[in-house]
Amino acid sequence: MAPSASKSSRLAGAATQPALAETTDRLLTAIRQGTVARQTIHDEKTALRWIEETLHPQGLCCPRCGSKYRRIARHKGKIPAWRCTDCDRYYTMISGTIFEKTRQSADGLLQIIHGIFQGRPLSHLANEMDMSRKQVYNIREKLMKFNKE
């Protein structure tokens, strides 16, 4: 249960999520600098924890109202999802990034981004990840578009 603070006071005092560019840049910078270890890239739970700590250093909160009060909405699947108890918004830990609509698992997404930054051919990444080249290409295009902005 939530503490005794009223819903309106929590909404009014909640800090909003960082902007799309800032959040995505934080993730990409950490991958470029090599702060993600190889074992993180290949383990689902470790990848989820690393993404959450990198994108949300003060803790995961609702992207709409900034509330930290949430309930689990989906725990089975590639990336867990929550529902805000204050505004009823559905979100994941990658909401607010250029990857928010991706269907990739956390470790798969990190492997693809890491491979793209290393300059590996899309066909090799697609074969390793058991994906189509178009899927990997679309992720690369999102990264390139973000870097141009």
C-alpha atoms as a PDB file:
ATOM      1  CA  MET A   1       0.000   0.000   0.000  1.00  0.00           C
ATOM      2  CA  ALA A   2       1.034   3.578  -0.570  1.00  0.00           C
ATOM      3  CA  PRO A   3       1.993   5.833   2.351  1.00  0.00           C
ATOM      4  CA  SER A   4      -0.648   8.131   3.789  1.00  0.00           C
ATOM      5  CA  ALA A   5       0.194  11.061   1.488  1.00  0.00           C
ATOM      6  CA  SER A   6      -2.813  12.084  -0.557  1.00  0.00           C
ATOM      7  CA  LYS A   7      -2.952  11.344  -4.252  1.00  0.00           C
ATOM      8  CA  SER A   8      -3.039  15.027  -5.219  1.00  0.00           C
ATOM      9  CA  SER A   9      -0.030  15.910  -3.065  1.00  0.00           C
ATOM     10  CA  ARG A  10       1.966  13.048  -4.577  1.00  0.00           C
ATOM     11  CA  LEU A  11       1.043  14.182  -8.099  1.00  0.00           C
ATOM     12  CA  ALA A  12       1.864  17.816  -7.378  1.00  0.00           C
ATOM     13  CA  GLY A  13       5.227  17.095  -5.771  1.00  0.00           C
ATOM     14  CA  ALA A  14       6.403  14.370  -8.109  1.00  0.00           C
ATOM     15  CA  ALA A  15       9.344  15.106 -10.361  1.00  0.00           C
ATOM     16  CA  THR A  16       8.690  14.394 -14.015  1.00  0.00           C
ATOM     17  CA  GLN A  17      10.665  11.871 -16.029  1.00  0.00           C
ATOM     18  CA  PRO A  18      13.652  13.144 -18.023  1.00  0.00           C
ATOM     19  CA  ALA A  19      12.961  14.080 -21.624  1.00  0.00           C
ATOM     20  CA  LEU A  20      13.139  11.450 -24.369  1.00  0.00           C
ATOM     21  CA  ALA A  21      16.511  12.657 -25.624  1.00  0.00           C
ATOM     22  CA  GLU A  22      18.096  12.776 -22.175  1.00  0.00           C
ATOM     23  CA  THR A  23      16.869   9.309 -21.205  1.00  0.00           C
ATOM     24  CA  THR A  24      17.903   7.677 -24.469  1.00  0.00           C
ATOM     25  CA  ASP A  25      21.258   9.472 -24.433  1.00  0.00           C
ATOM     26  CA  ARG A  26      21.971   8.171 -20.924  1.00  0.00           C
ATOM     27  CA  LEU A  27      21.468   4.574 -22.105  1.00  0.00           C
ATOM     28  CA  LEU A  28      23.481   4.951 -25.314  1.00  0.00           C
ATOM     29  CA  THR A  29      26.352   6.784 -23.593  1.00  0.00           C
ATOM     30  CA  ALA A  30      26.649   4.028 -21.000  1.00  0.00           C
ATOM     31  CA  ILE A  31      26.809   1.383 -23.746  1.00  0.00           C
ATOM     32  CA  ARG A  32      29.357   3.399 -25.779  1.00  0.00           C
ATOM     33  CA  GLN A  33      31.587   3.898 -22.734  1.00  0.00           C
ATOM     34  CA  GLY A  34      31.597   0.177 -22.079  1.00  0.00           C
ATOM     35  CA  THR A  35      29.948   0.268 -18.655  1.00  0.00           C
ATOM     36  CA  VAL A  36      27.829  -2.702 -19.673  1.00  0.00           C
ATOM     37  CA  ALA A  37      29.695  -5.953 -19.048  1.00  0.00           C
ATOM     38  CA  ARG A  38      29.549  -8.899 -21.443  1.00  0.00           C
ATOM     39  CA  GLN A  39      27.714 -11.053 -18.872  1.00  0.00           C
ATOM     40  CA  THR A  40      25.087  -8.307 -18.558  1.00  0.00           C
ATOM     41  CA  ILE A  41      24.407  -8.444 -22.284  1.00  0.00           C
ATOM     42  CA  HIS A  42      23.825 -12.202 -22.221  1.00  0.00           C
ATOM     43  CA  ASP A  43      21.691 -12.534 -19.062  1.00  0.00           C
ATOM     44  CA  GLU A  44      18.060 -11.357 -19.081  1.00  0.00           C
ATOM     45  CA  LYS A  45      17.702 -10.490 -15.373  1.00  0.00           C
ATOM     46  CA  THR A  46      21.065  -8.740 -15.216  1.00  0.00           C
ATOM     47  CA  ALA A  47      20.253  -6.788 -18.402  1.00  0.00           C
ATOM     48  CA  LEU A  48      16.909  -5.648 -16.959  1.00  0.00           C
ATOM     49  CA  ARG A  49      18.585  -4.534 -13.723  1.00  0.00           C
ATOM     50  CA  TRP A  50      21.361  -2.696 -15.639  1.00  0.00           C
ATOM     51  CA  ILE A  51      18.847  -0.875 -17.877  1.00  0.00           C
ATOM     52  CA  GLU A  52      16.755   0.171 -14.875  1.00  0.00           C
ATOM     53  CA  GLU A  53      19.787   1.443 -12.934  1.00  0.00           C
ATOM     54  CA  THR A  54      21.119   3.291 -15.992  1.00  0.00           C
ATOM     55  CA  LEU A  55      17.869   4.910 -17.105  1.00  0.00           C
ATOM     56  CA  HIS A  56      16.372   5.485 -13.657  1.00  0.00           C
ATOM     57  CA  PRO A  57      19.151   6.177 -11.118  1.00  0.00           C
ATOM     58  CA  GLN A  58      16.631   7.665  -8.635  1.00  0.00           C
ATOM     59  CA  GLY A  59      14.246   4.745  -9.148  1.00  0.00           C
ATOM     60  CA  LEU A  60      11.591   3.926 -11.710  1.00  0.00           C
ATOM     61  CA  CYS A  61       8.621   6.291 -11.772  1.00  0.00           C
ATOM     62  CA  CYS A  62       5.603   6.994 -13.952  1.00  0.00           C
ATOM     63  CA  PRO A  63       6.524   8.869 -17.160  1.00  0.00           C
ATOM     64  CA  ARG A  64       3.265  10.865 -17.055  1.00  0.00           C
ATOM     65  CA  CYS A  65       2.947  12.029 -13.440  1.00  0.00           C
ATOM     66  CA  GLY A  66       6.285  11.066 -11.845  1.00  0.00           C
ATOM     67  CA  SER A  67       4.716   8.926  -9.114  1.00  0.00           C
ATOM     68  CA  LYS A  68       6.756   6.036  -7.739  1.00  0.00           C
ATOM     69  CA  TYR A  69       3.596   4.193  -6.679  1.00  0.00           C
ATOM     70  CA  ARG A  70       2.836   1.380  -9.077  1.00  0.00           C
ATOM     71  CA  ARG A  71       1.487  -2.133  -9.405  1.00  0.00           C
ATOM     72  CA  ILE A  72       2.701  -4.880 -11.691  1.00  0.00           C
ATOM     73  CA  ALA A  73       0.777  -5.000 -14.961  1.00  0.00           C
ATOM     74  CA  ARG A  74       2.800  -7.666 -16.776  1.00  0.00           C
ATOM     75  CA  HIS A  75       5.600  -9.734 -15.321  1.00  0.00           C
ATOM     76  CA  LYS A  76       5.680 -12.394 -18.021  1.00  0.00           C
ATOM     77  CA  GLY A  77       7.090 -11.189 -21.267  1.00  0.00           C
ATOM     78  CA  LYS A  78      10.239  -9.641 -22.544  1.00  0.00           C
ATOM     79  CA  ILE A  79      10.241  -6.507 -20.399  1.00  0.00           C
ATOM     80  CA  PRO A  80       8.055  -6.215 -17.271  1.00  0.00           C
ATOM     81  CA  ALA A  81       5.388  -3.515 -17.226  1.00  0.00           C
ATOM     82  CA  TRP A  82       3.718  -1.537 -14.455  1.00  0.00           C
ATOM     83  CA  ARG A  83       0.581   0.536 -14.049  1.00  0.00           C
ATOM     84  CA  CYS A  84       0.730   3.796 -12.097  1.00  0.00           C
ATOM     85  CA  THR A  85      -1.605   3.779  -9.096  1.00  0.00           C
ATOM     86  CA  ASP A  86      -2.097   7.549  -9.354  1.00  0.00           C
ATOM     87  CA  CYS A  87      -2.822   8.175 -13.053  1.00  0.00           C
ATOM     88  CA  ASP A  88      -3.341   4.572 -14.282  1.00  0.00           C
ATOM     89  CA  ARG A  89      -0.666   4.916 -17.004  1.00  0.00           C
ATOM     90  CA  TYR A  90       0.848   1.672 -18.341  1.00  0.00           C
ATOM     91  CA  TYR A  91       4.651   1.837 -18.680  1.00  0.00           C
ATOM     92  CA  THR A  92       7.891  -0.136 -18.795  1.00  0.00           C
ATOM     93  CA  MET A  93      11.434   0.776 -17.822  1.00  0.00           C
ATOM     94  CA  ILE A  94      12.183   1.788 -21.426  1.00  0.00           C
ATOM     95  CA  SER A  95       9.142   4.055 -21.768  1.00  0.00           C
ATOM     96  CA  GLY A  96      10.309   7.505 -22.783  1.00  0.00           C
ATOM     97  CA  THR A  97      13.192   6.224 -24.915  1.00  0.00           C
ATOM     98  CA  ILE A  98      13.417   5.604 -28.642  1.00  0.00           C
ATOM     99  CA  PHE A  99      13.077   1.894 -27.853  1.00  0.00           C
ATOM    100  CA  GLU A 100       9.766   2.090 -25.983  1.00  0.00           C
ATOM    101  CA  LYS A 101       7.756   0.217 -28.627  1.00  0.00           C
ATOM    102  CA  THR A 102      10.374  -2.460 -29.291  1.00  0.00           C
ATOM    103  CA  ARG A 103       9.487  -6.116 -28.979  1.00  0.00           C
ATOM    104  CA  GLN A 104      13.021  -7.174 -28.088  1.00  0.00           C
ATOM    105  CA  SER A 105      14.065  -8.594 -24.754  1.00  0.00           C
ATOM    106  CA  ALA A 106      16.349  -6.467 -22.585  1.00  0.00           C
ATOM    107  CA  ASP A 107      19.444  -8.569 -23.224  1.00  0.00           C
ATOM    108  CA  GLY A 108      18.617  -8.817 -26.937  1.00  0.00           C
ATOM    109  CA  LEU A 109      18.259  -5.056 -27.215  1.00  0.00           C
ATOM    110  CA  LEU A 110      21.611  -4.516 -25.475  1.00  0.00           C
ATOM    111  CA  GLN A 111      23.296  -7.069 -27.762  1.00  0.00           C
ATOM    112  CA  ILE A 112      21.940  -5.359 -30.874  1.00  0.00           C
ATOM    113  CA  ILE A 113      22.916  -1.842 -29.748  1.00  0.00           C
ATOM    114  CA  HIS A 114      26.360  -3.037 -28.656  1.00  0.00           C
ATOM    115  CA  GLY A 115      26.885  -4.813 -31.999  1.00  0.00           C
ATOM    116  CA  ILE A 116      25.810  -1.740 -33.969  1.00  0.00           C
ATOM    117  CA  PHE A 117      28.245   0.464 -32.020  1.00  0.00           C
ATOM    118  CA  GLN A 118      31.025  -2.044 -32.731  1.00  0.00           C
ATOM    119  CA  GLY A 119      30.260  -1.728 -36.444  1.00  0.00           C
ATOM    120  CA  ARG A 120      29.246  -5.340 -36.918  1.00  0.00           C
ATOM    121  CA  PRO A 121      27.294  -6.142 -40.103  1.00  0.00           C
ATOM    122  CA  LEU A 122      23.519  -6.205 -39.739  1.00  0.00           C
ATOM    123  CA  SER A 123      23.321  -9.649 -41.330  1.00  0.00           C
ATOM    124  CA  HIS A 124      25.634 -11.107 -38.644  1.00  0.00           C
ATOM    125  CA  LEU A 125      23.625  -9.487 -35.850  1.00  0.00           C
ATOM    126  CA  ALA A 126      20.375 -10.715 -37.369  1.00  0.00           C
ATOM    127  CA  ASN A 127      21.687 -14.288 -37.612  1.00  0.00           C
ATOM    128  CA  GLU A 128      22.993 -14.263 -34.025  1.00  0.00           C
ATOM    129  CA  MET A 129      19.739 -12.862 -32.665  1.00  0.00           C
ATOM    130  CA  ASP A 130      17.528 -15.049 -34.880  1.00  0.00           C
ATOM    131  CA  MET A 131      15.862 -11.939 -36.286  1.00  0.00           C
ATOM    132  CA  SER A 132      15.292 -10.559 -39.738  1.00  0.00           C
ATOM    133  CA  ARG A 133      17.762  -8.029 -41.128  1.00  0.00           C
ATOM    134  CA  LYS A 134      14.871  -5.560 -41.379  1.00  0.00           C
ATOM    135  CA  GLN A 135      14.286  -5.695 -37.599  1.00  0.00           C
ATOM    136  CA  VAL A 136      17.963  -4.996 -36.880  1.00  0.00           C
ATOM    137  CA  TYR A 137      17.988  -2.332 -39.608  1.00  0.00           C
ATOM    138  CA  ASN A 138      14.997  -0.567 -37.998  1.00  0.00           C
ATOM    139  CA  ILE A 139      16.778  -0.438 -34.635  1.00  0.00           C
ATOM    140  CA  ARG A 140      19.908   0.940 -36.332  1.00  0.00           C
ATOM    141  CA  GLU A 141      17.797   3.575 -38.104  1.00  0.00           C
ATOM    142  CA  LYS A 142      16.294   4.656 -34.768  1.00  0.00           C
ATOM    143  CA  LEU A 143      19.818   5.052 -33.375  1.00  0.00           C
ATOM    144  CA  MET A 144      21.021   7.011 -36.416  1.00  0.00           C
ATOM    145  CA  LYS A 145      17.968   9.282 -36.374  1.00  0.00           C
ATOM    146  CA  PHE A 146      18.458   9.925 -32.659  1.00  0.00           C
ATOM    147  CA  ASN A 147      22.165  10.736 -33.141  1.00  0.00           C
ATOM    148  CA  LYS A 148      21.336  13.260 -35.883  1.00  0.00           C
ATOM    149  CA  GLU A 149      18.959  15.185 -33.609  1.00  0.00           C
END
